[in-house]
Every structure is written in structure tokens, then in C-alpha cells.
C-alpha atoms as a PDB file:
ATOM      1  CA  MET A   1     125.502 148.679 149.275  1.00  0.00           C
ATOM      2  CA  ASP A   2     124.191 150.664 146.360  1.00  0.00           C
ATOM      3  CA  GLY A   3     127.493 151.465 144.607  1.00  0.00           C
ATOM      4  CA  LYS A   4     127.036 155.203 145.143  1.00  0.00           C
ATOM      5  CA  TRP A   5     129.378 157.688 146.796  1.00  0.00           C
ATOM      6  CA  GLY A   6     127.545 158.620 149.968  1.00  0.00           C
ATOM      7  CA  VAL A   7     127.847 159.294 153.671  1.00  0.00           C
ATOM      8  CA  LYS A   8     128.920 155.749 154.568  1.00  0.00           C
ATOM      9  CA  THR A   9     131.672 155.822 151.950  1.00  0.00           C
ATOM     10  CA  LYS A  10     132.945 159.196 153.160  1.00  0.00           C
ATOM     11  CA  ASP A  11     132.895 158.009 156.770  1.00  0.00           C
ATOM     12  CA  ALA A  12     134.984 154.957 155.868  1.00  0.00           C
ATOM     13  CA  ILE A  13     137.828 156.952 154.249  1.00  0.00           C
ATOM     14  CA  VAL A  14     141.187 156.659 155.960  1.00  0.00           C
ATOM     15  CA  THR A  15     144.192 158.877 155.306  1.00  0.00           C
ATOM     16  CA  VAL A  16     146.861 157.329 153.098  1.00  0.00           C
ATOM     17  CA  GLU A  17     150.323 158.839 153.378  1.00  0.00           C
ATOM     18  CA  LYS A  18     153.969 158.273 152.514  1.00  0.00           C
ATOM     19  CA  ASP A  19     155.344 154.795 153.226  1.00  0.00           C
ATOM     20  CA  ALA A  20     151.867 153.203 153.094  1.00  0.00           C
ATOM     21  CA  LYS A  21     151.895 149.842 151.337  1.00  0.00           C
ATOM     22  CA  GLY A  22     149.176 147.654 149.922  1.00  0.00           C
ATOM     23  CA  ASN A  23     145.839 147.980 148.190  1.00  0.00           C
ATOM     24  CA  LEU A  24     145.045 151.543 149.293  1.00  0.00           C
ATOM     25  CA  ALA A  25     148.397 152.799 148.014  1.00  0.00           C
ATOM     26  CA  TRP A  26     147.834 150.987 144.706  1.00  0.00           C
ATOM     27  CA  ILE A  27     144.303 152.384 144.338  1.00  0.00           C
ATOM     28  CA  LEU A  28     145.639 155.882 145.041  1.00  0.00           C
ATOM     29  CA  GLN A  29     148.400 155.427 142.461  1.00  0.00           C
ATOM     30  CA  ALA A  30     145.942 154.169 139.851  1.00  0.00           C
ATOM     31  CA  ALA A  31     143.482 157.020 140.512  1.00  0.00           C
ATOM     32  CA  LEU A  32     146.236 159.628 140.227  1.00  0.00           C
ATOM     33  CA  TYR A  33     147.458 158.053 137.001  1.00  0.00           C
ATOM     34  CA  LEU A  34     143.947 158.055 135.523  1.00  0.00           C
ATOM     35  CA  GLU A  35     143.614 161.753 136.429  1.00  0.00           C
ATOM     36  CA  GLY A  36     146.833 162.510 134.514  1.00  0.00           C
ATOM     37  CA  PHE A  37     149.229 162.663 137.468  1.00  0.00           C
ATOM     38  CA  ASN A  38     151.825 159.947 136.935  1.00  0.00           C
ATOM     39  CA  PRO A  39     152.992 158.411 140.228  1.00  0.00           C
ATOM     40  CA  GLY A  40     155.583 156.263 138.467  1.00  0.00           C
ATOM     41  CA  SER A  41     155.399 152.551 139.046  1.00  0.00           C
ATOM     42  CA  LEU A  42     152.045 151.188 140.221  1.00  0.00           C
ATOM     43  CA  ASP A  43     153.815 149.146 142.868  1.00  0.00           C
ATOM     44  CA  SER A  44     151.482 149.512 145.883  1.00  0.00           C
ATOM     45  CA  ILE A  45     154.095 151.572 147.747  1.00  0.00           C
ATOM     46  CA  PHE A  46     153.417 155.226 148.535  1.00  0.00           C
ATOM     47  CA  GLY A  47     156.883 156.565 147.793  1.00  0.00           C
ATOM     48  CA  LYS A  48     158.394 159.689 146.245  1.00  0.00           C
ATOM     49  CA  GLY A  49     156.615 159.319 142.895  1.00  0.00           C
ATOM     50  CA  THR A  50     153.190 158.933 144.474  1.00  0.00           C
ATOM     51  CA  GLU A  51     153.882 161.787 146.874  1.00  0.00           C
ATOM     52  CA  SER A  52     154.917 164.066 143.996  1.00  0.00           C
ATOM     53  CA  ALA A  53     151.881 163.141 141.876  1.00  0.00           C
ATOM     54  CA  LEU A  54     149.570 163.644 144.859  1.00  0.00           C
ATOM     55  CA  TYR A  55     151.088 167.058 145.605  1.00  0.00           C
ATOM     56  CA  LYS A  56     150.616 168.139 141.967  1.00  0.00           C
ATOM     57  CA  PHE A  57     147.022 166.862 141.993  1.00  0.00           C
ATOM     58  CA  GLN A  58     146.235 168.748 145.199  1.00  0.00           C
ATOM     59  CA  LYS A  59     147.791 171.969 143.875  1.00  0.00           C
ATOM     60  CA  ASP A  60     145.941 171.605 140.562  1.00  0.00           C
ATOM     61  CA  LYS A  61     142.633 171.201 142.413  1.00  0.00           C
ATOM     62  CA  LYS A  62     143.455 174.175 144.686  1.00  0.00           C
ATOM     63  CA  MET A  63     143.385 171.966 147.755  1.00  0.00           C
ATOM     64  CA  THR A  64     145.646 172.012 150.783  1.00  0.00           C
ATOM     65  CA  ALA A  65     148.751 170.336 149.339  1.00  0.00           C
ATOM     66  CA  ASP A  66     149.778 168.277 152.359  1.00  0.00           C
ATOM     67  CA  LYS A  67     150.881 165.214 150.358  1.00  0.00           C
ATOM     68  CA  LYS A  68     148.377 163.062 152.268  1.00  0.00           C
ATOM     69  CA  ALA A  69     145.320 161.442 150.736  1.00  0.00           C
ATOM     70  CA  GLY A  70     142.657 162.219 153.329  1.00  0.00           C
ATOM     71  CA  LYS A  71     138.899 162.670 153.025  1.00  0.00           C
ATOM     72  CA  ALA A  72     139.007 165.786 150.837  1.00  0.00           C
ATOM     73  CA  THR A  73     141.578 164.379 148.422  1.00  0.00           C
ATOM     74  CA  ILE A  74     139.969 160.938 148.148  1.00  0.00           C
ATOM     75  CA  THR A  75     136.578 162.575 147.606  1.00  0.00           C
ATOM     76  CA  GLU A  76     138.027 164.787 144.852  1.00  0.00           C
ATOM     77  CA  LEU A  77     139.646 161.773 143.166  1.00  0.00           C
ATOM     78  CA  PHE A  78     136.680 159.422 143.289  1.00  0.00           C
ATOM     79  CA  ALA A  79     133.445 161.390 143.675  1.00  0.00           C
ATOM     80  CA  ALA A  80     134.093 164.214 141.255  1.00  0.00           C
END
């Protein structure tokens, strides 16, 4: 590992969507919060607040606003 955003990182991305629980949901919440899109409580549960913040982020970035954190959204959050 070199700590850089590259092909292997992109290939390892999984889609995170509503009702997801655990570390990936928490990381998504934290990243949205740091980008200025408040998901509410950083509780590791992808609920209404996270979904709303994700939707606003996607619209702001002129992405497909599907309320799912897939490859394009994760890349925009972390590699930009």
C-alpha cells in the first residue's frame, strides 16, 4: 500500500446505501459532514439524515442523485 487513491482503491469500493450499519456508514457520515453536508448523528447507521445529506451532496456535485454511495460518489468524496 502506498496511501494513494488508485486503481486498487477504486476497485475495492462497494456501494453503501440506506439501512447500512457499521464502519462504512460512519465513514460516509463523517466524510459528508466534513464536506459541509450534515448527516445528523454520526451513529454508523445510514438513515434519513445520511440519505438527505448524500442526496444534497450528489446534487451539489451535479452527479446522479440516487442516494447511494457508489464508486462515483465515494471517489468524489475522497479523491477530489
